[in-house]
Amino acid sequence: MVEVRMKTTMAGPDISVTAGNFVLLPADRAKALINAGYAEVVPDEPAPKVETATAEKREKAVLPQVKKRRKR
């Protein structure tokens, strides 16, 4: 059995898998889907951790306070 990640949705009488999901398939069936470009092999080793950026605190535009006019 080979674990693959589907690039497209696949459905048949005995299987239904949506794109992006992982599925265990017999080696010959997995090889056929990979060669056709419908699936890709899942590596045995874990994928490297993806770095993410965090946004800094946003600045807010603030209007200066307006001095009230005196009534004459």
N, C-alpha and C. Protein backbone atom coordinates (compact mmCIF):
# COMPACT_ATOMS: atom_id res chain seq x y z
N MET A 1 0.85 -1.18 0.00
CA MET A 1 0.00 0.00 0.00
C MET A 1 0.89 1.24 0.00
N VAL A 2 0.46 2.24 -0.76
CA VAL A 2 1.20 3.48 -0.89
C VAL A 2 0.26 4.63 -0.52
N GLU A 3 0.76 5.54 0.29
CA GLU A 3 -0.05 6.71 0.65
C GLU A 3 0.22 7.81 -0.37
N VAL A 4 -0.86 8.35 -0.94
CA VAL A 4 -0.75 9.43 -1.92
C VAL A 4 -1.67 10.57 -1.52
N ARG A 5 -1.35 11.77 -2.02
CA ARG A 5 -2.22 12.94 -1.85
C ARG A 5 -2.83 13.22 -3.21
N MET A 6 -4.13 13.29 -3.26
CA MET A 6 -4.82 13.50 -4.52
C MET A 6 -4.74 14.97 -4.96
N LYS A 7 -4.43 15.19 -6.23
CA LYS A 7 -4.40 16.53 -6.80
C LYS A 7 -5.77 16.90 -7.37
N THR A 8 -6.57 15.89 -7.70
CA THR A 8 -7.91 16.10 -8.24
C THR A 8 -8.88 15.20 -7.49
N THR A 9 -10.16 15.47 -7.64
CA THR A 9 -11.18 14.62 -7.04
C THR A 9 -11.33 13.36 -7.87
N MET A 10 -11.48 12.23 -7.19
CA MET A 10 -11.62 10.96 -7.88
C MET A 10 -12.78 10.21 -7.24
N ALA A 11 -13.65 9.63 -8.06
CA ALA A 11 -14.77 8.84 -7.55
C ALA A 11 -14.98 7.63 -8.45
N GLY A 12 -15.32 6.55 -7.83
CA GLY A 12 -15.60 5.32 -8.56
C GLY A 12 -16.53 4.46 -7.73
N PRO A 13 -16.80 3.24 -8.20
CA PRO A 13 -17.72 2.38 -7.48
C PRO A 13 -17.20 1.95 -6.10
N ASP A 14 -15.88 1.94 -5.91
CA ASP A 14 -15.34 1.49 -4.63
C ASP A 14 -14.53 2.54 -3.89
N ILE A 15 -14.46 3.78 -4.42
CA ILE A 15 -13.65 4.82 -3.76
C ILE A 15 -14.18 6.20 -4.13
N SER A 16 -14.01 7.14 -3.21
CA SER A 16 -14.36 8.54 -3.45
C SER A 16 -13.40 9.39 -2.62
N VAL A 17 -12.56 10.18 -3.30
CA VAL A 17 -11.56 10.99 -2.62
C VAL A 17 -11.58 12.39 -3.24
N THR A 18 -11.61 13.41 -2.40
CA THR A 18 -11.58 14.78 -2.91
C THR A 18 -10.14 15.27 -3.01
N ALA A 19 -9.93 16.28 -3.82
CA ALA A 19 -8.60 16.84 -4.03
C ALA A 19 -8.02 17.33 -2.71
N GLY A 20 -6.73 17.05 -2.49
CA GLY A 20 -6.04 17.49 -1.29
C GLY A 20 -6.05 16.46 -0.17
N ASN A 21 -6.89 15.44 -0.27
CA ASN A 21 -6.95 14.41 0.77
C ASN A 21 -5.93 13.31 0.52
N PHE A 22 -5.59 12.60 1.58
CA PHE A 22 -4.64 11.50 1.52
C PHE A 22 -5.39 10.18 1.50
N VAL A 23 -4.85 9.21 0.77
CA VAL A 23 -5.49 7.90 0.69
C VAL A 23 -4.43 6.82 0.50
N LEU A 24 -4.67 5.64 1.07
CA LEU A 24 -3.80 4.48 0.89
C LEU A 24 -4.34 3.67 -0.29
N LEU A 25 -3.47 3.40 -1.26
CA LEU A 25 -3.87 2.66 -2.45
C LEU A 25 -2.88 1.53 -2.71
N PRO A 26 -3.32 0.50 -3.43
CA PRO A 26 -2.38 -0.53 -3.85
C PRO A 26 -1.30 0.10 -4.74
N ALA A 27 -0.11 -0.46 -4.73
CA ALA A 27 1.04 0.13 -5.43
C ALA A 27 0.77 0.36 -6.92
N ASP A 28 0.14 -0.61 -7.60
CA ASP A 28 -0.09 -0.45 -9.04
C ASP A 28 -1.08 0.67 -9.34
N ARG A 29 -2.13 0.79 -8.53
CA ARG A 29 -3.12 1.85 -8.74
C ARG A 29 -2.51 3.22 -8.41
N ALA A 30 -1.73 3.30 -7.34
CA ALA A 30 -1.08 4.55 -6.95
C ALA A 30 -0.11 5.00 -8.04
N LYS A 31 0.66 4.06 -8.58
CA LYS A 31 1.63 4.39 -9.63
C LYS A 31 0.93 4.94 -10.87
N ALA A 32 -0.20 4.35 -11.24
CA ALA A 32 -0.97 4.81 -12.40
C ALA A 32 -1.47 6.24 -12.19
N LEU A 33 -1.98 6.54 -11.00
CA LEU A 33 -2.49 7.88 -10.71
C LEU A 33 -1.36 8.91 -10.66
N ILE A 34 -0.22 8.53 -10.12
CA ILE A 34 0.93 9.43 -10.04
C ILE A 34 1.46 9.73 -11.43
N ASN A 35 1.60 8.69 -12.27
CA ASN A 35 2.09 8.88 -13.64
C ASN A 35 1.14 9.73 -14.48
N ALA A 36 -0.15 9.66 -14.20
CA ALA A 36 -1.14 10.45 -14.94
C ALA A 36 -1.23 11.88 -14.41
N GLY A 37 -0.61 12.15 -13.25
CA GLY A 37 -0.63 13.51 -12.69
C GLY A 37 -1.81 13.79 -11.78
N TYR A 38 -2.56 12.75 -11.40
CA TYR A 38 -3.72 12.93 -10.54
C TYR A 38 -3.38 12.87 -9.06
N ALA A 39 -2.20 12.37 -8.73
CA ALA A 39 -1.81 12.21 -7.33
C ALA A 39 -0.31 12.40 -7.20
N GLU A 40 0.14 12.56 -5.95
CA GLU A 40 1.57 12.66 -5.68
C GLU A 40 1.88 11.81 -4.45
N VAL A 41 3.10 11.29 -4.41
CA VAL A 41 3.52 10.43 -3.32
C VAL A 41 3.70 11.24 -2.05
N VAL A 42 3.28 10.68 -0.93
CA VAL A 42 3.50 11.31 0.36
C VAL A 42 4.84 10.78 0.87
N PRO A 43 5.81 11.66 1.15
CA PRO A 43 7.11 11.20 1.62
C PRO A 43 6.99 10.52 2.99
N ASP A 44 7.89 9.56 3.24
CA ASP A 44 7.89 8.85 4.51
C ASP A 44 8.30 9.76 5.67
N GLU A 45 9.19 10.68 5.39
CA GLU A 45 9.64 11.59 6.44
C GLU A 45 8.70 12.79 6.52
N PRO A 46 8.53 13.37 7.69
CA PRO A 46 7.63 14.52 7.82
C PRO A 46 8.17 15.71 7.04
N ALA A 47 7.25 16.50 6.53
CA ALA A 47 7.64 17.68 5.77
C ALA A 47 8.28 18.70 6.71
N PRO A 48 9.20 19.52 6.20
CA PRO A 48 9.81 20.53 7.07
C PRO A 48 8.76 21.52 7.55
N LYS A 49 8.98 22.02 8.73
CA LYS A 49 8.03 22.96 9.31
C LYS A 49 8.01 24.25 8.50
N VAL A 50 6.83 24.72 8.20
CA VAL A 50 6.68 25.93 7.40
C VAL A 50 6.80 27.14 8.31
N GLU A 51 7.63 28.10 7.90
CA GLU A 51 7.76 29.31 8.68
C GLU A 51 6.62 30.26 8.34
N THR A 52 6.10 30.91 9.33
CA THR A 52 5.04 31.89 9.11
C THR A 52 5.47 33.22 9.70
N ALA A 53 5.01 34.27 9.11
CA ALA A 53 5.33 35.61 9.60
C ALA A 53 4.17 36.12 10.43
N THR A 54 4.50 36.93 11.42
CA THR A 54 3.45 37.56 12.21
C THR A 54 3.49 39.05 11.95
N ALA A 55 2.34 39.63 11.86
CA ALA A 55 2.24 41.06 11.58
C ALA A 55 2.49 41.85 12.87
N GLU A 56 3.14 42.98 12.71
CA GLU A 56 3.35 43.85 13.86
C GLU A 56 2.04 44.57 14.16
N LYS A 57 1.98 45.14 15.35
CA LYS A 57 0.79 45.86 15.75
C LYS A 57 0.55 47.03 14.80
N ARG A 58 -0.68 47.19 14.37
CA ARG A 58 -1.01 48.25 13.42
C ARG A 58 -1.05 49.61 14.11
N GLU A 59 -0.63 50.61 13.35
CA GLU A 59 -0.73 51.96 13.85
C GLU A 59 -2.09 52.53 13.47
N LYS A 60 -2.62 53.38 14.32
CA LYS A 60 -3.91 54.01 14.02
C LYS A 60 -3.68 55.48 13.76
N ALA A 61 -4.35 55.99 12.77
CA ALA A 61 -4.27 57.42 12.49
C ALA A 61 -5.21 58.13 13.46
N VAL A 62 -4.69 59.11 14.16
CA VAL A 62 -5.48 59.84 15.15
C VAL A 62 -5.43 61.32 14.82
N LEU A 63 -6.59 61.93 14.75
CA LEU A 63 -6.64 63.37 14.48
C LEU A 63 -6.32 64.13 15.77
N PRO A 64 -5.62 65.26 15.65
CA PRO A 64 -5.37 66.06 16.86
C PRO A 64 -6.68 66.66 17.37
N GLN A 65 -6.73 66.89 18.67
CA GLN A 65 -7.95 67.47 19.23
C GLN A 65 -8.08 68.91 18.76
N VAL A 66 -9.28 69.31 18.42
CA VAL A 66 -9.56 70.66 17.93
C VAL A 66 -9.99 71.51 19.13
N LYS A 67 -9.37 72.73 19.26
CA LYS A 67 -9.75 73.63 20.35
C LYS A 67 -11.11 74.25 20.03
N LYS A 68 -11.96 74.29 21.02
CA LYS A 68 -13.29 74.86 20.83
C LYS A 68 -13.17 76.39 20.78
N ARG A 69 -13.97 76.99 19.94
CA ARG A 69 -13.97 78.45 19.83
C ARG A 69 -14.85 79.04 20.94
N ARG A 70 -14.42 80.20 21.38
CA ARG A 70 -15.23 80.91 22.36
C ARG A 70 -16.30 81.68 21.65
N LYS A 71 -17.48 81.74 22.24
CA LYS A 71 -18.56 82.52 21.65
C LYS A 71 -18.30 83.98 21.96
N ARG A 72 -18.60 84.84 21.02
CA ARG A 72 -18.40 86.26 21.23
C ARG A 72 -19.67 86.96 21.53
